[in-house]
Amino acid sequence: MKEYTFVRGNGEKKVIEAMSFKKAIKKYDGKPVDNDKFVHINWSSKKGNSSYKILELPHVSRKERKGKL
């Protein structure tokens, strides 16, 4: 399992273990607080490469956006 570190603009950190990025986002389920609409996500791959992504809150998955396909 990979460790995903979610960091907010105010410095609040939360570490989540999950098999995939998508599952980690579902487990996080962060809500926007004040003017903080983004969360920074850091993780490392199996090969040891570090990755970084910025996610807008609240996150709406493709399944929820498109409805039943």
N, C-alpha and C. Protein backbone atom coordinates (compact mmCIF):
# COMPACT_ATOMS: atom_id res chain seq x y z
N MET A 1 0.83 -1.17 0.00
CA MET A 1 0.00 0.00 0.00
C MET A 1 0.89 1.25 0.00
N LYS A 2 0.41 2.26 -0.67
CA LYS A 2 1.16 3.52 -0.77
C LYS A 2 0.65 4.50 0.28
N GLU A 3 1.54 5.39 0.70
CA GLU A 3 1.16 6.43 1.64
C GLU A 3 0.96 7.74 0.88
N TYR A 4 -0.22 8.29 0.99
CA TYR A 4 -0.55 9.57 0.36
C TYR A 4 -0.64 10.61 1.45
N THR A 5 0.10 11.72 1.29
CA THR A 5 0.09 12.80 2.27
C THR A 5 -0.71 13.97 1.71
N PHE A 6 -1.79 14.31 2.39
CA PHE A 6 -2.64 15.41 2.00
C PHE A 6 -2.27 16.61 2.86
N VAL A 7 -1.89 17.73 2.21
CA VAL A 7 -1.47 18.93 2.93
C VAL A 7 -2.35 20.10 2.50
N ARG A 8 -2.98 20.74 3.47
CA ARG A 8 -3.82 21.91 3.19
C ARG A 8 -2.97 23.16 3.21
N GLY A 9 -3.55 24.26 2.80
CA GLY A 9 -2.86 25.55 2.76
C GLY A 9 -2.46 26.05 4.14
N ASN A 10 -3.22 25.68 5.17
CA ASN A 10 -2.91 26.13 6.53
C ASN A 10 -1.88 25.23 7.22
N GLY A 11 -1.36 24.22 6.52
CA GLY A 11 -0.32 23.35 7.07
C GLY A 11 -0.86 22.06 7.67
N GLU A 12 -2.16 21.86 7.67
CA GLU A 12 -2.75 20.64 8.22
C GLU A 12 -2.39 19.45 7.33
N LYS A 13 -1.83 18.38 7.93
CA LYS A 13 -1.41 17.20 7.17
C LYS A 13 -2.23 15.99 7.60
N LYS A 14 -2.49 15.12 6.62
CA LYS A 14 -3.17 13.87 6.91
C LYS A 14 -2.56 12.79 6.01
N VAL A 15 -2.13 11.69 6.60
CA VAL A 15 -1.51 10.60 5.85
C VAL A 15 -2.53 9.47 5.72
N ILE A 16 -2.72 9.00 4.48
CA ILE A 16 -3.68 7.93 4.20
C ILE A 16 -2.97 6.83 3.43
N GLU A 17 -3.21 5.59 3.82
CA GLU A 17 -2.66 4.44 3.09
C GLU A 17 -3.76 3.87 2.21
N ALA A 18 -3.43 3.70 0.92
CA ALA A 18 -4.39 3.15 -0.03
C ALA A 18 -3.65 2.50 -1.19
N MET A 19 -4.33 1.66 -1.93
CA MET A 19 -3.73 0.97 -3.07
C MET A 19 -3.65 1.89 -4.30
N SER A 20 -4.58 2.83 -4.43
CA SER A 20 -4.59 3.69 -5.61
C SER A 20 -4.92 5.13 -5.21
N PHE A 21 -4.60 6.04 -6.12
CA PHE A 21 -4.85 7.47 -5.91
C PHE A 21 -6.34 7.73 -5.74
N LYS A 22 -7.15 7.10 -6.56
CA LYS A 22 -8.60 7.28 -6.53
C LYS A 22 -9.18 6.86 -5.17
N LYS A 23 -8.72 5.73 -4.64
CA LYS A 23 -9.20 5.24 -3.35
C LYS A 23 -8.74 6.14 -2.21
N ALA A 24 -7.54 6.70 -2.35
CA ALA A 24 -7.02 7.61 -1.32
C ALA A 24 -7.87 8.88 -1.26
N ILE A 25 -8.27 9.39 -2.42
CA ILE A 25 -9.11 10.59 -2.47
C ILE A 25 -10.46 10.31 -1.81
N LYS A 26 -11.04 9.14 -2.06
CA LYS A 26 -12.32 8.79 -1.46
C LYS A 26 -12.21 8.69 0.06
N LYS A 27 -11.09 8.13 0.54
CA LYS A 27 -10.89 8.01 1.99
C LYS A 27 -10.69 9.38 2.63
N TYR A 28 -10.03 10.29 1.94
CA TYR A 28 -9.75 11.62 2.49
C TYR A 28 -11.04 12.40 2.70
N ASP A 29 -11.86 12.48 1.68
CA ASP A 29 -13.17 13.14 1.74
C ASP A 29 -13.11 14.50 2.44
N GLY A 30 -12.18 15.35 1.99
CA GLY A 30 -12.00 16.67 2.59
C GLY A 30 -13.04 17.66 2.12
N LYS A 31 -13.44 18.52 3.01
CA LYS A 31 -14.38 19.58 2.68
C LYS A 31 -13.63 20.91 2.71
N PRO A 32 -13.99 21.88 1.87
CA PRO A 32 -13.32 23.17 1.89
C PRO A 32 -13.57 23.92 3.20
N VAL A 33 -12.50 24.52 3.73
CA VAL A 33 -12.60 25.28 4.97
C VAL A 33 -12.19 26.72 4.67
N ASP A 34 -13.04 27.68 5.02
CA ASP A 34 -12.80 29.10 4.76
C ASP A 34 -12.50 29.31 3.27
N ASN A 35 -11.35 29.91 2.94
CA ASN A 35 -10.98 30.16 1.55
C ASN A 35 -10.04 29.08 1.02
N ASP A 36 -9.87 27.99 1.76
CA ASP A 36 -8.95 26.92 1.39
C ASP A 36 -9.67 25.92 0.49
N LYS A 37 -9.54 26.09 -0.83
CA LYS A 37 -10.27 25.23 -1.77
C LYS A 37 -9.40 24.17 -2.42
N PHE A 38 -8.11 24.11 -2.08
CA PHE A 38 -7.21 23.15 -2.71
C PHE A 38 -6.46 22.34 -1.65
N VAL A 39 -6.05 21.14 -2.04
CA VAL A 39 -5.22 20.30 -1.18
C VAL A 39 -4.07 19.78 -2.04
N HIS A 40 -2.87 19.73 -1.48
CA HIS A 40 -1.68 19.23 -2.17
C HIS A 40 -1.46 17.79 -1.74
N ILE A 41 -1.23 16.91 -2.71
CA ILE A 41 -1.07 15.49 -2.41
C ILE A 41 0.32 15.04 -2.85
N ASN A 42 1.05 14.38 -1.93
CA ASN A 42 2.39 13.85 -2.22
C ASN A 42 2.37 12.34 -1.98
N TRP A 43 3.05 11.60 -2.86
CA TRP A 43 3.21 10.15 -2.68
C TRP A 43 4.41 9.69 -3.47
N SER A 44 4.86 8.46 -3.20
CA SER A 44 5.97 7.90 -3.97
C SER A 44 5.52 6.59 -4.61
N SER A 45 6.02 6.33 -5.80
CA SER A 45 5.63 5.15 -6.56
C SER A 45 6.43 3.93 -6.10
N LYS A 46 6.16 2.78 -6.70
CA LYS A 46 6.89 1.55 -6.37
C LYS A 46 8.37 1.71 -6.67
N LYS A 47 8.68 2.45 -7.74
CA LYS A 47 10.07 2.65 -8.13
C LYS A 47 10.78 3.70 -7.28
N GLY A 48 10.03 4.39 -6.43
CA GLY A 48 10.63 5.39 -5.56
C GLY A 48 10.55 6.82 -6.09
N ASN A 49 9.87 7.01 -7.22
CA ASN A 49 9.71 8.36 -7.76
C ASN A 49 8.63 9.09 -6.96
N SER A 50 8.95 10.31 -6.54
CA SER A 50 7.95 11.07 -5.79
C SER A 50 7.04 11.80 -6.77
N SER A 51 5.77 11.85 -6.42
CA SER A 51 4.77 12.50 -7.26
C SER A 51 4.01 13.53 -6.45
N TYR A 52 3.39 14.47 -7.15
CA TYR A 52 2.74 15.61 -6.53
C TYR A 52 1.54 16.01 -7.36
N LYS A 53 0.43 16.31 -6.70
CA LYS A 53 -0.76 16.73 -7.42
C LYS A 53 -1.55 17.71 -6.56
N ILE A 54 -2.19 18.67 -7.20
CA ILE A 54 -3.06 19.61 -6.51
C ILE A 54 -4.49 19.27 -6.89
N LEU A 55 -5.34 19.15 -5.88
CA LEU A 55 -6.72 18.73 -6.08
C LEU A 55 -7.66 19.80 -5.55
N GLU A 56 -8.70 20.10 -6.31
CA GLU A 56 -9.69 21.10 -5.88
C GLU A 56 -10.72 20.41 -5.00
N LEU A 57 -11.11 21.11 -3.93
CA LEU A 57 -12.11 20.56 -3.01
C LEU A 57 -13.44 21.26 -3.22
N PRO A 58 -14.56 20.61 -3.03
CA PRO A 58 -14.71 19.17 -2.83
C PRO A 58 -14.52 18.44 -4.15
N HIS A 59 -13.89 17.27 -4.06
CA HIS A 59 -13.61 16.50 -5.28
C HIS A 59 -14.86 15.76 -5.72
N VAL A 60 -15.18 15.87 -6.99
CA VAL A 60 -16.33 15.16 -7.57
C VAL A 60 -15.77 14.17 -8.58
N SER A 61 -15.98 12.89 -8.33
CA SER A 61 -15.43 11.86 -9.21
C SER A 61 -16.12 11.86 -10.57
N ARG A 62 -15.51 11.20 -11.52
CA ARG A 62 -16.07 11.14 -12.87
C ARG A 62 -17.43 10.45 -12.85
N LYS A 63 -17.53 9.43 -12.02
CA LYS A 63 -18.78 8.68 -11.91
C LYS A 63 -19.93 9.57 -11.45
N GLU A 64 -19.64 10.45 -10.51
CA GLU A 64 -20.67 11.37 -10.01
C GLU A 64 -20.98 12.46 -11.00
N ARG A 65 -19.96 12.93 -11.76
CA ARG A 65 -20.18 13.99 -12.74
C ARG A 65 -21.01 13.50 -13.91
N LYS A 66 -20.71 12.30 -14.41
CA LYS A 66 -21.36 11.80 -15.62
C LYS A 66 -22.65 11.07 -15.35
N GLY A 67 -22.86 10.61 -14.14
CA GLY A 67 -24.04 9.83 -13.84
C GLY A 67 -23.86 8.41 -14.34
N LYS A 68 -24.92 7.72 -14.58
CA LYS A 68 -24.83 6.34 -15.04
C LYS A 68 -24.49 6.34 -16.53
N LEU A 69 -23.38 5.72 -16.87
CA LEU A 69 -22.95 5.68 -18.29
C LEU A 69 -23.49 4.48 -19.01
